[in-house]
């Protein structure tokens, strides 16, 4: 029996990020998803082809100070999330993750989901910067494209 889209997405997340082996990364669970929704409802997006999710996007709006600490390797991804205050104006947006099942890649799904989420977040927050910690060439190229589309500068964390 073949795996469901949901099971394949979980497997892809584990293969790409291997969060179980890195305590500094954000290991997304129901509690984290609930806090993300409190930060902003547009932090988590998915595209469902009718048979379950084929793409997931996760963004973390935060402060410029926390962004800089993260970029300077002074705090981890998990600490960035944990220290992001609720009920404040966010000026930075962490492009945390974008996952797309292989047969759905290069169709613009992740780009559209992310641009819609950024637009929704910008309605409530004066974003001044995007930042990223990429795990793949595709992630790097995608983040650069989002920077161009949104006219927001992109900052990258070194490995």
N, C-alpha and C. Protein backbone atom coordinates (compact mmCIF):
# COMPACT_ATOMS: atom_id res chain seq x y z
N UNK A 1 0.84 -1.19 0.00
CA UNK A 1 0.00 0.00 0.00
C UNK A 1 0.88 1.25 0.00
N UNK A 2 0.57 2.18 -0.86
CA UNK A 2 1.40 3.38 -0.96
C UNK A 2 1.08 4.35 0.17
N UNK A 3 2.06 5.19 0.46
CA UNK A 3 1.91 6.16 1.54
C UNK A 3 0.99 7.30 1.10
N UNK A 4 0.29 7.88 2.08
CA UNK A 4 -0.55 9.04 1.82
C UNK A 4 0.34 10.26 1.60
N UNK A 5 -0.24 11.31 1.00
CA UNK A 5 0.52 12.55 0.84
C UNK A 5 1.03 13.06 2.18
N UNK A 6 0.18 12.97 3.21
CA UNK A 6 0.57 13.44 4.54
C UNK A 6 1.79 12.68 5.03
N UNK A 7 1.78 11.35 4.90
CA UNK A 7 2.92 10.54 5.34
C UNK A 7 4.17 10.87 4.53
N UNK A 8 4.00 11.10 3.24
CA UNK A 8 5.13 11.45 2.38
C UNK A 8 5.69 12.82 2.76
N UNK A 9 4.82 13.77 3.13
CA UNK A 9 5.29 15.10 3.55
C UNK A 9 6.09 15.00 4.85
N UNK A 10 5.61 14.19 5.79
CA UNK A 10 6.35 14.00 7.05
C UNK A 10 7.71 13.37 6.78
N UNK A 11 7.76 12.40 5.89
CA UNK A 11 9.02 11.75 5.54
C UNK A 11 9.97 12.75 4.88
N UNK A 12 9.44 13.58 3.97
CA UNK A 12 10.25 14.60 3.30
C UNK A 12 10.83 15.58 4.32
N UNK A 13 10.01 16.02 5.26
CA UNK A 13 10.48 16.95 6.29
C UNK A 13 11.63 16.33 7.08
N UNK A 14 11.49 15.06 7.41
CA UNK A 14 12.53 14.37 8.17
C UNK A 14 13.80 14.23 7.35
N UNK A 15 13.66 13.91 6.06
CA UNK A 15 14.84 13.75 5.19
C UNK A 15 15.58 15.07 4.99
N UNK A 16 14.84 16.15 4.77
CA UNK A 16 15.47 17.44 4.46
C UNK A 16 16.08 18.07 5.71
N UNK A 17 15.34 18.09 6.79
CA UNK A 17 15.78 18.84 7.97
C UNK A 17 16.38 17.99 9.08
N UNK A 18 16.03 16.72 9.16
CA UNK A 18 16.56 15.82 10.19
C UNK A 18 16.52 16.46 11.57
N UNK A 19 15.37 17.05 11.92
CA UNK A 19 15.26 17.79 13.19
C UNK A 19 15.41 16.91 14.42
N UNK A 20 15.12 15.64 14.28
CA UNK A 20 15.25 14.74 15.43
C UNK A 20 16.71 14.64 15.88
N UNK A 21 17.64 14.93 14.97
CA UNK A 21 19.07 14.85 15.27
C UNK A 21 19.69 16.21 15.57
N UNK A 22 18.89 17.27 15.59
CA UNK A 22 19.41 18.62 15.79
C UNK A 22 18.47 19.39 16.72
N UNK A 23 18.85 19.47 17.97
CA UNK A 23 18.00 20.12 18.97
C UNK A 23 17.90 21.63 18.78
N UNK A 24 18.73 22.21 17.90
CA UNK A 24 18.67 23.65 17.65
C UNK A 24 17.60 24.03 16.64
N UNK A 25 17.11 23.04 15.88
CA UNK A 25 16.06 23.31 14.91
C UNK A 25 14.70 23.22 15.58
N UNK A 26 13.74 23.84 14.96
CA UNK A 26 12.37 23.80 15.45
C UNK A 26 11.73 22.49 15.01
N UNK A 27 11.33 21.68 15.96
CA UNK A 27 10.66 20.41 15.68
C UNK A 27 9.16 20.67 15.78
N UNK A 28 8.53 20.85 14.64
CA UNK A 28 7.14 21.30 14.60
C UNK A 28 6.19 20.20 15.09
N UNK A 29 5.37 20.58 16.07
CA UNK A 29 4.33 19.69 16.59
C UNK A 29 3.07 20.54 16.79
N UNK A 30 2.03 19.96 17.34
CA UNK A 30 0.76 20.67 17.49
C UNK A 30 0.89 21.91 18.37
N UNK A 31 1.66 21.82 19.43
CA UNK A 31 1.85 22.97 20.34
C UNK A 31 2.54 24.12 19.60
N UNK A 32 3.54 23.81 18.81
CA UNK A 32 4.25 24.85 18.05
C UNK A 32 3.33 25.45 17.00
N UNK A 33 2.55 24.61 16.32
CA UNK A 33 1.60 25.12 15.32
C UNK A 33 0.60 26.09 15.94
N UNK A 34 0.13 25.77 17.15
CA UNK A 34 -0.82 26.65 17.83
C UNK A 34 -0.17 28.00 18.17
N UNK A 35 1.09 27.99 18.63
CA UNK A 35 1.77 29.25 18.94
C UNK A 35 2.05 30.04 17.67
N UNK A 36 2.40 29.36 16.59
CA UNK A 36 2.61 30.05 15.31
C UNK A 36 1.34 30.78 14.89
N UNK A 37 0.20 30.14 15.04
CA UNK A 37 -1.07 30.78 14.66
C UNK A 37 -1.35 32.00 15.54
N UNK A 38 -0.87 31.99 16.80
CA UNK A 38 -1.02 33.16 17.67
C UNK A 38 -0.10 34.29 17.21
N UNK A 39 1.08 33.93 16.73
CA UNK A 39 2.00 34.95 16.21
C UNK A 39 1.33 35.63 15.02
N UNK A 40 0.83 34.83 14.08
CA UNK A 40 0.03 35.34 12.95
C UNK A 40 -0.61 34.15 12.25
N UNK A 41 -1.89 34.28 11.87
CA UNK A 41 -2.59 33.16 11.22
C UNK A 41 -1.94 32.71 9.89
N UNK A 42 -1.16 33.57 9.25
CA UNK A 42 -0.57 33.21 7.96
C UNK A 42 0.82 32.56 8.08
N UNK A 43 1.22 32.17 9.29
CA UNK A 43 2.56 31.59 9.45
C UNK A 43 2.67 30.20 8.85
N UNK A 44 1.58 29.47 8.78
CA UNK A 44 1.58 28.11 8.26
C UNK A 44 0.59 28.02 7.11
N UNK A 45 1.06 27.50 5.97
CA UNK A 45 0.19 27.33 4.81
C UNK A 45 0.42 25.95 4.21
N UNK A 46 -0.62 25.43 3.58
CA UNK A 46 -0.44 24.18 2.87
C UNK A 46 -1.26 24.20 1.59
N UNK A 47 -0.82 23.42 0.62
CA UNK A 47 -1.57 23.23 -0.61
C UNK A 47 -1.98 21.76 -0.64
N UNK A 48 -3.27 21.53 -0.80
CA UNK A 48 -3.84 20.19 -0.83
C UNK A 48 -4.41 19.96 -2.22
N UNK A 49 -3.97 18.89 -2.88
CA UNK A 49 -4.44 18.60 -4.23
C UNK A 49 -5.76 17.82 -4.24
N UNK A 50 -6.38 17.68 -3.07
CA UNK A 50 -7.61 16.89 -2.95
C UNK A 50 -7.33 15.52 -2.37
N UNK A 51 -6.05 15.15 -2.32
CA UNK A 51 -5.64 13.85 -1.75
C UNK A 51 -4.69 14.05 -0.57
N UNK A 52 -4.74 15.24 0.00
CA UNK A 52 -3.85 15.54 1.12
C UNK A 52 -2.82 16.56 0.72
N UNK A 53 -2.02 17.01 1.69
CA UNK A 53 -1.06 18.08 1.43
C UNK A 53 0.05 17.64 0.47
N UNK A 54 0.42 18.56 -0.43
CA UNK A 54 1.57 18.34 -1.32
C UNK A 54 2.61 19.43 -1.12
N UNK A 55 2.27 20.46 -0.35
CA UNK A 55 3.22 21.54 -0.04
C UNK A 55 2.89 22.14 1.32
N UNK A 56 3.95 22.41 2.08
CA UNK A 56 3.83 23.09 3.37
C UNK A 56 4.80 24.26 3.40
N UNK A 57 4.33 25.38 3.94
CA UNK A 57 5.17 26.58 4.11
C UNK A 57 5.08 26.99 5.57
N UNK A 58 6.22 27.36 6.15
CA UNK A 58 6.24 27.81 7.54
C UNK A 58 7.09 29.09 7.61
N UNK A 59 6.48 30.15 8.11
CA UNK A 59 7.15 31.45 8.25
C UNK A 59 7.07 31.89 9.71
N UNK A 60 8.09 32.61 10.17
CA UNK A 60 8.07 33.12 11.54
C UNK A 60 8.33 34.62 11.52
N UNK A 61 7.28 35.43 11.71
CA UNK A 61 7.50 36.87 11.88
C UNK A 61 8.18 37.09 13.23
N UNK A 62 9.12 38.03 13.29
CA UNK A 62 9.84 38.27 14.54
C UNK A 62 10.40 39.69 14.54
N UNK A 63 11.24 39.97 15.49
CA UNK A 63 11.83 41.32 15.61
C UNK A 63 13.17 41.37 14.86
N UNK A 64 13.60 42.58 14.52
CA UNK A 64 14.90 42.74 13.87
C UNK A 64 16.03 42.31 14.81
N UNK A 65 15.88 42.58 16.09
CA UNK A 65 16.90 42.19 17.06
C UNK A 65 17.08 40.67 17.08
N UNK A 66 15.98 39.93 17.14
CA UNK A 66 16.07 38.47 17.14
C UNK A 66 16.62 37.96 15.80
N UNK A 67 16.22 38.59 14.71
CA UNK A 67 16.76 38.21 13.40
C UNK A 67 18.28 38.32 13.42
N UNK A 68 18.79 39.45 13.90
CA UNK A 68 20.24 39.66 13.91
C UNK A 68 20.96 38.68 14.82
N UNK A 69 20.38 38.36 15.96
CA UNK A 69 20.98 37.37 16.85
C UNK A 69 21.05 36.00 16.16
N UNK A 70 19.99 35.66 15.43
CA UNK A 70 19.95 34.39 14.71
C UNK A 70 20.99 34.38 13.59
N UNK A 71 21.05 35.45 12.81
CA UNK A 71 22.00 35.52 11.70
C UNK A 71 23.44 35.47 12.18
N UNK A 72 23.69 36.01 13.37
CA UNK A 72 25.03 36.00 13.96
C UNK A 72 25.34 34.71 14.72
N UNK A 73 24.46 33.72 14.61
CA UNK A 73 24.63 32.42 15.28
C UNK A 73 24.68 32.54 16.81
N UNK A 74 24.02 33.58 17.35
CA UNK A 74 23.97 33.75 18.81
C UNK A 74 22.79 33.01 19.41
N UNK A 75 21.74 32.77 18.60
CA UNK A 75 20.60 31.98 19.05
C UNK A 75 20.26 30.96 17.96
N UNK A 76 19.64 29.88 18.37
CA UNK A 76 19.24 28.81 17.46
C UNK A 76 17.87 29.11 16.85
N UNK A 77 17.48 28.30 15.90
CA UNK A 77 16.15 28.43 15.31
C UNK A 77 15.07 28.23 16.38
N UNK A 78 15.28 27.26 17.23
CA UNK A 78 14.32 27.00 18.32
C UNK A 78 14.25 28.21 19.26
N UNK A 79 15.40 28.80 19.60
CA UNK A 79 15.41 29.98 20.47
C UNK A 79 14.76 31.17 19.78
N UNK A 80 14.97 31.32 18.48
CA UNK A 80 14.31 32.39 17.72
C UNK A 80 12.80 32.28 17.90
N UNK A 81 12.28 31.08 17.71
CA UNK A 81 10.84 30.85 17.87
C UNK A 81 10.40 31.11 19.31
N UNK A 82 11.10 30.52 20.26
CA UNK A 82 10.72 30.64 21.67
C UNK A 82 10.77 32.08 22.17
N UNK A 83 11.72 32.87 21.68
CA UNK A 83 11.90 34.24 22.16
C UNK A 83 11.08 35.27 21.39
N UNK A 84 10.47 34.87 20.28
CA UNK A 84 9.63 35.81 19.53
C UNK A 84 8.42 36.17 20.38
N UNK A 85 8.27 37.45 20.69
CA UNK A 85 7.15 37.86 21.55
C UNK A 85 5.82 37.82 20.80
N UNK A 86 4.76 37.62 21.55
CA UNK A 86 3.41 37.71 20.99
C UNK A 86 2.94 39.16 21.10
N UNK A 87 1.97 39.52 20.31
CA UNK A 87 1.34 40.84 20.40
C UNK A 87 2.32 42.00 20.28
N UNK A 88 3.13 41.98 19.25
CA UNK A 88 4.03 43.09 18.96
C UNK A 88 4.02 43.30 17.46
N UNK A 89 4.66 44.36 17.00
CA UNK A 89 4.79 44.59 15.56
C UNK A 89 6.09 43.93 15.10
N UNK A 90 5.98 43.06 14.13
CA UNK A 90 7.14 42.34 13.61
C UNK A 90 7.71 43.06 12.40
N UNK A 91 9.04 43.15 12.34
CA UNK A 91 9.70 43.82 11.23
C UNK A 91 10.54 42.88 10.38
N UNK A 92 10.69 41.65 10.83
CA UNK A 92 11.48 40.66 10.10
C UNK A 92 10.67 39.39 9.91
N UNK A 93 10.94 38.69 8.82
CA UNK A 93 10.21 37.46 8.53
C UNK A 93 11.20 36.36 8.20
N UNK A 94 11.18 35.33 9.05
CA UNK A 94 12.04 34.17 8.84
C UNK A 94 11.36 33.19 7.90
N UNK A 95 11.98 32.93 6.77
CA UNK A 95 11.48 31.94 5.82
C UNK A 95 11.96 30.59 6.33
N UNK A 96 11.19 30.02 7.23
CA UNK A 96 11.61 28.84 7.98
C UNK A 96 11.69 27.59 7.12
N UNK A 97 10.60 27.25 6.43
CA UNK A 97 10.65 26.05 5.60
C UNK A 97 9.60 26.07 4.51
N UNK A 98 9.96 25.39 3.43
CA UNK A 98 9.05 25.17 2.31
C UNK A 98 9.32 23.75 1.83
N UNK A 99 8.30 22.94 1.88
CA UNK A 99 8.42 21.55 1.44
C UNK A 99 7.37 21.27 0.39
N UNK A 100 7.79 20.63 -0.71
CA UNK A 100 6.87 20.29 -1.80
C UNK A 100 7.23 18.89 -2.26
N UNK A 101 6.20 18.04 -2.40
CA UNK A 101 6.44 16.69 -2.91
C UNK A 101 7.05 16.79 -4.30
N UNK A 102 7.93 15.86 -4.60
CA UNK A 102 8.75 15.95 -5.82
C UNK A 102 7.94 16.16 -7.10
N UNK A 103 6.86 15.45 -7.26
CA UNK A 103 6.09 15.56 -8.52
C UNK A 103 5.33 16.88 -8.65
N UNK A 104 5.32 17.69 -7.60
CA UNK A 104 4.63 18.99 -7.63
C UNK A 104 5.61 20.16 -7.68
N UNK A 105 6.90 19.87 -7.69
CA UNK A 105 7.91 20.92 -7.69
C UNK A 105 7.97 21.62 -9.05
N UNK A 106 8.50 22.85 -9.02
CA UNK A 106 8.70 23.67 -10.21
C UNK A 106 7.38 24.04 -10.88
N UNK A 107 6.33 24.15 -10.09
CA UNK A 107 5.02 24.58 -10.59
C UNK A 107 4.59 25.91 -9.94
N UNK A 108 5.44 26.46 -9.08
CA UNK A 108 5.15 27.74 -8.44
C UNK A 108 4.26 27.64 -7.21
N UNK A 109 4.00 26.43 -6.73
CA UNK A 109 3.11 26.26 -5.58
C UNK A 109 3.70 26.92 -4.33
N UNK A 110 4.95 26.63 -4.02
CA UNK A 110 5.57 27.20 -2.81
C UNK A 110 5.66 28.71 -2.93
N UNK A 111 6.02 29.20 -4.11
CA UNK A 111 6.12 30.65 -4.31
C UNK A 111 4.78 31.32 -4.06
N UNK A 112 3.72 30.79 -4.64
CA UNK A 112 2.39 31.40 -4.48
C UNK A 112 1.92 31.35 -3.03
N UNK A 113 2.11 30.20 -2.38
CA UNK A 113 1.72 30.09 -0.96
C UNK A 113 2.47 31.12 -0.11
N UNK A 114 3.77 31.23 -0.36
CA UNK A 114 4.59 32.13 0.45
C UNK A 114 4.27 33.59 0.17
N UNK A 115 4.11 33.94 -1.10
CA UNK A 115 3.77 35.34 -1.41
C UNK A 115 2.43 35.74 -0.81
N UNK A 116 1.45 34.83 -0.84
CA UNK A 116 0.14 35.13 -0.23
C UNK A 116 0.29 35.31 1.29
N UNK A 117 1.08 34.44 1.91
CA UNK A 117 1.29 34.55 3.36
C UNK A 117 2.00 35.85 3.71
N UNK A 118 3.03 36.21 2.93
CA UNK A 118 3.75 37.47 3.19
C UNK A 118 2.80 38.65 3.04
N UNK A 119 1.98 38.63 2.00
CA UNK A 119 1.01 39.72 1.81
C UNK A 119 0.07 39.84 3.01
N UNK A 120 -0.41 38.72 3.51
CA UNK A 120 -1.30 38.74 4.67
C UNK A 120 -0.59 39.25 5.93
N UNK A 121 0.65 38.83 6.13
CA UNK A 121 1.40 39.29 7.30
C UNK A 121 1.70 40.78 7.19
N UNK A 122 1.99 41.25 5.98
CA UNK A 122 2.30 42.68 5.78
C UNK A 122 1.10 43.58 6.06
N UNK A 123 -0.10 43.05 6.00
CA UNK A 123 -1.29 43.85 6.33
C UNK A 123 -1.27 44.26 7.80
N UNK A 124 -0.62 43.44 8.63
CA UNK A 124 -0.61 43.67 10.08
C UNK A 124 0.74 44.09 10.64
N UNK A 125 1.80 43.90 9.87
CA UNK A 125 3.15 44.13 10.40
C UNK A 125 4.03 44.85 9.37
N UNK A 126 4.85 45.81 9.83
CA UNK A 126 5.70 46.60 8.93
C UNK A 126 7.01 45.87 8.59
N UNK A 127 6.91 44.80 7.83
CA UNK A 127 8.09 44.00 7.51
C UNK A 127 9.14 44.82 6.77
N UNK A 128 10.40 44.67 7.22
CA UNK A 128 11.51 45.38 6.62
C UNK A 128 12.56 44.44 6.05
N UNK A 129 12.47 43.14 6.38
CA UNK A 129 13.51 42.20 5.95
C UNK A 129 13.00 40.77 5.96
N UNK A 130 13.57 39.98 5.06
CA UNK A 130 13.39 38.52 5.05
C UNK A 130 14.72 37.92 5.48
N UNK A 131 14.67 36.75 6.12
CA UNK A 131 15.92 36.06 6.42
C UNK A 131 15.70 34.56 6.35
N UNK A 132 16.81 33.85 6.13
CA UNK A 132 16.71 32.44 5.82
C UNK A 132 17.95 31.70 6.30
N UNK A 133 17.78 30.41 6.52
CA UNK A 133 18.87 29.48 6.82
C UNK A 133 18.60 28.31 5.89
N UNK A 134 19.20 28.33 4.72
CA UNK A 134 18.82 27.35 3.70
C UNK A 134 19.54 26.02 3.87
N UNK A 135 18.84 24.98 3.44
CA UNK A 135 19.35 23.61 3.49
C UNK A 135 19.53 23.03 2.10
N UNK A 136 19.19 23.82 1.06
CA UNK A 136 19.30 23.31 -0.30
C UNK A 136 19.48 24.47 -1.28
N UNK A 137 20.00 24.14 -2.45
CA UNK A 137 20.16 25.14 -3.51
C UNK A 137 18.79 25.69 -3.90
N UNK A 138 17.78 24.81 -3.96
CA UNK A 138 16.43 25.24 -4.30
C UNK A 138 15.88 26.23 -3.28
N UNK A 139 16.16 25.96 -2.00
CA UNK A 139 15.73 26.87 -0.95
C UNK A 139 16.39 28.24 -1.07
N UNK A 140 17.66 28.22 -1.41
CA UNK A 140 18.40 29.46 -1.59
C UNK A 140 17.82 30.27 -2.76
N UNK A 141 17.60 29.61 -3.88
CA UNK A 141 17.05 30.28 -5.06
C UNK A 141 15.63 30.79 -4.79
N UNK A 142 14.84 29.99 -4.08
CA UNK A 142 13.47 30.40 -3.75
C UNK A 142 13.45 31.63 -2.87
N UNK A 143 14.32 31.66 -1.87
CA UNK A 143 14.39 32.82 -0.97
C UNK A 143 14.81 34.08 -1.74
N UNK A 144 15.77 33.93 -2.64
CA UNK A 144 16.21 35.08 -3.43
C UNK A 144 15.07 35.60 -4.32
N UNK A 145 14.31 34.69 -4.90
CA UNK A 145 13.17 35.09 -5.73
C UNK A 145 12.12 35.82 -4.89
N UNK A 146 11.84 35.32 -3.69
CA UNK A 146 10.86 35.97 -2.81
C UNK A 146 11.32 37.38 -2.45
N UNK A 147 12.61 37.55 -2.24
CA UNK A 147 13.14 38.87 -1.93
C UNK A 147 12.87 39.83 -3.10
N UNK A 148 13.10 39.35 -4.31
CA UNK A 148 12.84 40.20 -5.49
C UNK A 148 11.35 40.53 -5.61
N UNK A 149 10.49 39.53 -5.47
CA UNK A 149 9.04 39.74 -5.62
C UNK A 149 8.48 40.69 -4.58
N UNK A 150 9.01 40.64 -3.36
CA UNK A 150 8.47 41.45 -2.26
C UNK A 150 9.20 42.77 -2.08
N UNK A 151 10.32 42.95 -2.77
CA UNK A 151 11.18 44.13 -2.61
C UNK A 151 11.68 44.27 -1.17
N UNK A 152 11.85 43.14 -0.50
CA UNK A 152 12.41 43.14 0.86
C UNK A 152 13.82 42.57 0.79
N UNK A 153 14.78 43.19 1.50
CA UNK A 153 16.14 42.62 1.49
C UNK A 153 16.16 41.24 2.15
N UNK A 154 17.06 40.39 1.65
CA UNK A 154 17.19 39.02 2.17
C UNK A 154 18.54 38.88 2.88
N UNK A 155 18.50 38.34 4.08
CA UNK A 155 19.69 38.07 4.85
C UNK A 155 19.79 36.57 5.08
N UNK A 156 21.03 36.05 5.01
CA UNK A 156 21.22 34.61 5.11
C UNK A 156 22.13 34.26 6.29
N UNK A 157 21.74 33.21 6.97
CA UNK A 157 22.57 32.67 8.05
C UNK A 157 23.54 31.67 7.43
N UNK A 158 24.77 31.77 7.85
CA UNK A 158 25.75 30.79 7.37
C UNK A 158 25.50 29.48 8.11
N UNK A 159 25.98 28.42 7.54
CA UNK A 159 25.72 27.07 8.11
C UNK A 159 26.22 26.91 9.51
